Protein backbone atom coordinates (compact mmCIF):
# COMPACT_ATOMS: atom_id res chain seq x y z
CA MET A 1 -54.69 23.16 18.91
CA SER A 2 -51.74 23.04 16.41
CA ILE A 3 -50.01 20.09 14.41
CA TYR A 4 -46.88 20.11 15.00
CA TYR A 5 -43.94 19.25 11.97
CA LYS A 6 -40.56 17.83 12.23
CA ARG A 7 -38.58 17.38 8.93
CA LEU A 8 -35.95 14.67 9.89
CA PRO A 9 -32.10 14.93 8.55
CA GLY A 10 -30.45 12.63 5.77
CA PHE A 11 -32.00 9.27 4.60
CA ILE A 12 -33.63 7.44 7.16
CA ASN A 13 -33.64 3.49 7.67
CA TYR A 14 -36.83 2.28 7.11
CA LYS A 15 -36.86 0.29 10.34
CA ALA A 16 -35.73 3.35 12.64
CA GLY A 17 -38.93 5.55 11.09
CA LEU A 18 -40.48 2.13 11.87
CA GLU A 19 -39.47 2.28 15.89
CA LEU A 20 -39.87 5.85 15.73
CA GLN A 21 -43.66 6.04 15.12
CA GLU A 22 -44.42 2.77 17.86
CA ARG A 23 -42.50 4.76 20.79
CA LEU A 24 -44.34 7.83 19.59
CA VAL A 25 -47.39 5.69 19.81
CA ALA A 26 -46.73 4.32 22.68
CA ALA A 27 -46.09 7.83 23.92
CA LYS A 28 -49.35 9.10 23.45
CA PRO A 29 -48.06 12.16 22.45
CA THR A 30 -50.04 15.61 24.29
CA LYS A 31 -49.46 17.46 20.39
CA ASP A 32 -50.61 15.44 16.97
CA VAL A 33 -47.20 15.43 15.33
CA LEU A 34 -46.38 15.20 11.09
CA LEU A 35 -42.67 13.91 11.10
CA LEU A 36 -42.11 14.25 7.43
CA LEU A 37 -38.34 12.54 6.01
CA GLU A 38 -37.14 10.78 2.72
CA HIS A 39 -36.26 7.34 3.17
CA ALA A 40 -33.11 4.96 2.49
CA PRO A 41 -34.24 3.21 -0.56
CA VAL A 42 -36.73 0.17 0.57
CA TYR A 43 -39.39 -1.48 -0.82
CA THR A 44 -41.96 -2.46 1.80
CA VAL A 45 -45.02 -4.80 1.16
CA GLY A 46 -48.61 -3.72 3.24
CA ARG A 47 -50.39 -5.96 5.72
CA ARG A 48 -52.31 -7.86 2.72
CA THR A 49 -49.12 -9.68 2.03
CA THR A 50 -48.69 -12.11 5.13
CA ASP A 51 -45.58 -14.01 4.12
CA GLU A 52 -42.06 -12.63 2.11
CA ASN A 53 -41.70 -13.96 -1.35
CA ILE A 54 -38.55 -14.95 -1.33
CA GLU A 55 -37.34 -15.00 -4.73
CA GLU A 56 -39.09 -11.61 -5.34
CA SER A 57 -37.62 -9.63 -1.96
CA THR A 58 -33.69 -11.45 -2.99
CA ARG A 59 -34.51 -9.81 -6.87
CA LEU A 60 -35.52 -6.31 -5.26
CA ARG A 61 -32.57 -6.15 -2.40
CA ALA A 62 -30.22 -7.53 -5.22
CA LEU A 63 -30.75 -3.81 -6.34
CA GLY A 64 -29.83 -2.06 -3.47
CA ALA A 65 -33.14 -1.75 -1.73
CA HIS A 66 -33.94 -3.05 1.73
CA TYR A 67 -37.12 -4.99 1.76
CA GLU A 68 -39.85 -4.67 4.47
CA LEU A 69 -42.78 -6.62 5.30
CA THR A 70 -45.16 -4.20 7.53
CA LYS A 71 -48.08 -3.74 9.13
CA ARG A 72 -49.72 -0.79 7.16
CA GLY A 73 -52.57 -1.24 4.37
CA GLY A 74 -51.84 -1.49 0.82
CA GLN A 75 -49.42 -3.57 -1.26
CA ILE A 76 -45.75 -3.09 -2.28
CA THR A 77 -44.38 0.15 -2.84
CA TYR A 78 -41.12 1.76 -2.75
CA HIS A 79 -39.78 4.29 -0.71
CA GLY A 80 -36.22 6.14 -1.61
CA PRO A 81 -34.39 9.90 -2.09
CA GLY A 82 -36.93 12.33 -3.52
CA GLN A 83 -40.00 11.49 -2.40
CA LEU A 84 -41.70 13.31 0.42
CA VAL A 85 -42.93 10.66 3.27
CA GLY A 86 -45.21 11.95 6.21
CA TYR A 87 -46.02 10.33 9.08
CA PRO A 88 -49.01 11.46 11.17
CA ILE A 89 -49.12 10.57 14.77
CA PHE A 90 -52.48 11.93 15.31
CA ASN A 91 -55.04 11.27 18.39
CA LEU A 92 -58.63 10.87 15.96
CA SER A 93 -60.54 11.37 18.77
CA ARG A 94 -58.73 14.91 19.39
CA LEU A 95 -59.65 15.42 15.87
CA ASN A 96 -62.75 14.47 15.54
CA LEU A 97 -62.47 12.05 12.92
CA SER A 98 -63.31 8.20 11.90
CA VAL A 99 -60.71 6.40 10.43
CA LYS A 100 -62.30 6.82 7.03
CA CYS A 101 -62.29 10.72 7.23
CA TYR A 102 -58.92 10.64 8.21
CA VAL A 103 -57.89 8.90 4.86
CA ASP A 104 -60.04 11.28 2.84
CA ARG A 105 -58.46 14.12 4.42
CA VAL A 106 -54.84 12.44 4.21
CA GLU A 107 -55.80 12.72 0.08
CA LYS A 108 -57.42 16.14 0.31
CA SER A 109 -54.31 17.28 1.90
CA LEU A 110 -52.11 15.78 -1.01
CA ILE A 111 -54.17 17.70 -3.47
CA ARG A 112 -54.16 21.28 -1.73
CA MET A 113 -50.61 21.00 -1.26
CA LEU A 114 -49.94 19.89 -5.68
CA ALA A 115 -52.69 22.79 -6.13
CA ASP A 116 -51.30 25.68 -3.61
CA GLN A 117 -47.24 25.15 -4.05
CA TYR A 118 -46.93 23.66 -7.85
CA ARG A 119 -50.36 24.23 -9.42
CA ILE A 120 -50.71 20.65 -10.22
CA ARG A 121 -54.59 19.53 -10.58
CA GLY A 122 -54.39 16.03 -7.67
CA GLN A 123 -57.61 14.13 -7.96
CA THR A 124 -59.01 10.85 -5.97
CA SER A 125 -60.00 7.65 -7.98
CA GLU A 126 -61.15 4.34 -6.75
CA HIS A 127 -57.78 3.03 -5.52
CA THR A 128 -56.13 5.17 -2.56
CA GLY A 129 -54.26 7.86 -2.77
CA VAL A 130 -53.84 11.12 -4.91
CA TRP A 131 -53.52 10.76 -8.82
CA LEU A 132 -52.80 13.50 -11.70
CA ASP A 133 -55.24 11.44 -14.15
CA ASP A 134 -56.77 8.24 -14.63
CA VAL A 135 -52.84 5.90 -15.35
CA HIS A 136 -50.24 8.30 -13.11
CA LYS A 137 -50.07 8.23 -9.42
CA ILE A 138 -48.12 10.97 -7.56
CA ALA A 139 -48.55 10.22 -4.22
CA SER A 140 -49.61 6.94 -2.06
CA ILE A 141 -51.65 6.17 0.97
CA GLY A 142 -51.08 3.68 3.90
CA ILE A 143 -51.98 3.81 7.24
CA GLN A 144 -52.69 1.83 10.86
CA VAL A 145 -54.61 3.19 14.00
CA ARG A 146 -54.35 2.05 17.28
CA HIS A 147 -56.06 3.18 20.09
CA ARG A 148 -57.42 6.08 17.83
CA ILE A 149 -53.54 7.29 17.52
CA THR A 150 -52.17 6.90 13.54
CA SER A 151 -49.00 5.92 11.96
CA HIS A 152 -47.47 5.46 8.49
CA GLY A 153 -48.96 7.48 6.12
CA PHE A 154 -48.08 8.88 2.44
CA ALA A 155 -45.43 9.48 -0.06
CA ILE A 156 -45.41 11.60 -2.52
CA ASN A 157 -42.80 11.73 -5.45
CA ILE A 158 -41.36 15.17 -5.62
CA THR A 159 -38.47 14.49 -7.85
CA ASN A 160 -37.31 12.15 -10.67
CA GLU A 161 -35.26 9.71 -8.78
CA PRO A 162 -37.75 7.42 -7.41
CA LEU A 163 -39.32 6.48 -10.58
CA ASP A 164 -36.70 4.38 -11.84
CA TRP A 165 -37.16 2.53 -8.54
CA PHE A 166 -41.22 2.11 -9.21
CA ARG A 167 -40.66 0.37 -12.26
CA ASN A 168 -39.57 -2.78 -10.43
CA ILE A 169 -42.33 -3.53 -8.93
CA VAL A 170 -46.46 -3.16 -9.56
CA ALA A 171 -46.76 -0.40 -7.67
CA CYS A 172 -49.70 -0.71 -4.68
CA GLY A 173 -50.91 -4.18 -6.87
CA ILE A 174 -52.53 -1.93 -9.20
CA HIS A 175 -51.57 -2.89 -12.76
CA GLY A 176 -51.64 -0.61 -15.84
CA ALA A 177 -50.95 2.30 -13.23
CA LYS A 178 -47.51 4.74 -13.79
CA MET A 179 -46.09 6.33 -11.15
CA THR A 180 -45.25 10.15 -11.50
CA SER A 181 -43.74 12.48 -9.76
CA VAL A 182 -44.14 16.51 -9.46
CA ALA A 183 -40.70 17.51 -11.36
CA SER A 184 -42.27 14.88 -13.75
CA ALA A 185 -45.45 17.07 -14.15
CA LEU A 186 -43.52 20.67 -14.13
CA ASN A 187 -40.89 19.03 -16.69
CA ASN A 188 -38.56 20.67 -13.69
CA ASN A 189 -35.41 18.95 -12.53
CA SER A 190 -35.35 21.43 -9.42
CA ILE A 191 -37.71 20.75 -7.62
CA SER A 192 -37.17 21.98 -3.59
CA MET A 193 -37.44 18.76 -0.98
CA ASP A 194 -37.46 21.71 1.57
CA ASP A 195 -39.99 23.74 -0.58
CA ALA A 196 -42.39 20.22 -0.25
CA THR A 197 -41.81 19.64 2.90
CA LEU A 198 -43.08 23.53 4.42
CA ALA A 199 -45.57 23.03 2.06
CA ALA A 200 -47.18 19.28 3.04
CA ALA A 201 -47.29 20.71 6.70
CA ASN A 202 -49.32 23.96 5.59
CA ALA A 203 -51.80 22.42 3.70
CA PHE A 204 -52.43 19.93 6.41
CA GLY A 205 -53.18 22.45 8.49
CA LYS A 206 -55.30 23.89 5.64
CA VAL A 207 -57.46 20.77 5.53
CA LEU A 208 -57.69 19.95 9.11
CA ASP A 209 -57.87 24.04 10.14
CA LYS A 210 -55.19 23.83 12.36
CA GLU A 211 -52.68 26.39 13.34
CA VAL A 212 -48.95 24.74 11.53
CA GLN A 213 -45.61 24.97 14.01
CA GLN A 214 -42.18 23.15 13.85
CA LEU A 215 -42.17 20.79 16.98
CA ASP A 216 -40.16 22.00 19.81
CA ASP A 217 -41.06 19.48 22.11
CA PRO A 218 -38.43 18.01 24.58
CA GLU A 219 -39.66 14.61 25.27
CA ILE A 220 -40.78 14.13 22.07
CA ASP A 221 -37.01 15.16 20.47
CA ALA A 222 -35.45 13.07 23.21
CA ILE A 223 -37.48 9.87 21.39
CA ILE A 224 -36.46 10.81 18.45
CA SER A 225 -32.88 11.40 19.19
CA ASP A 226 -32.47 8.33 20.71
CA VAL A 227 -33.96 6.04 17.79
CA LEU A 228 -31.77 7.73 14.97
CA ASP A 229 -28.79 7.72 16.94
CA ASN A 230 -28.92 4.05 17.52
CA ILE A 231 -29.36 3.10 14.34
CA ASP A 232 -27.59 -0.46 13.65
């Protein structure tokens, strides 16, 4: 079995990303699909927060970002240009993984990506995600699993563009943590998002011991096109 990855073009509206995941999970695809994309600026809040904080959401929307409540795990975070977001639509039964082991594999995949592509040493901590040290966090993880099918996933900062947006929140509810990026770690402002996309897909393949292929599936491509072509 292989992992099939698809890079979505442009900056994807967050609600379109949610709808796309819902449609793919409902379709119960016979392939394990890794969607890779960048979102238009949005602050999202996980299921630990049940009600919208009107004052907070108004403040953040005034910055030019959307604000969305979600069903993923975790607390508030940011998605936007310069950040690679991955939505694995994986069948955990097919991969023979528990939810806990799956989260571990996602973390290991991002650490492998950083090491192989950028020679950056990532690490885990008591908090979910990938860190460069005790203070600097480079990637966030928040998942949902229904009927053994995964959705939501990870976000890793590639360029420095997301960092200013993160300064407006306490990312993931972790006081004292600072978000960083590949560009910041390497002091290099010309990091390619295309290279990061391929590096992420290859890292998942290595960690899960699967071949990696670009997605070429008419049924799945039709769902993707239908959602992206009908964004309000």
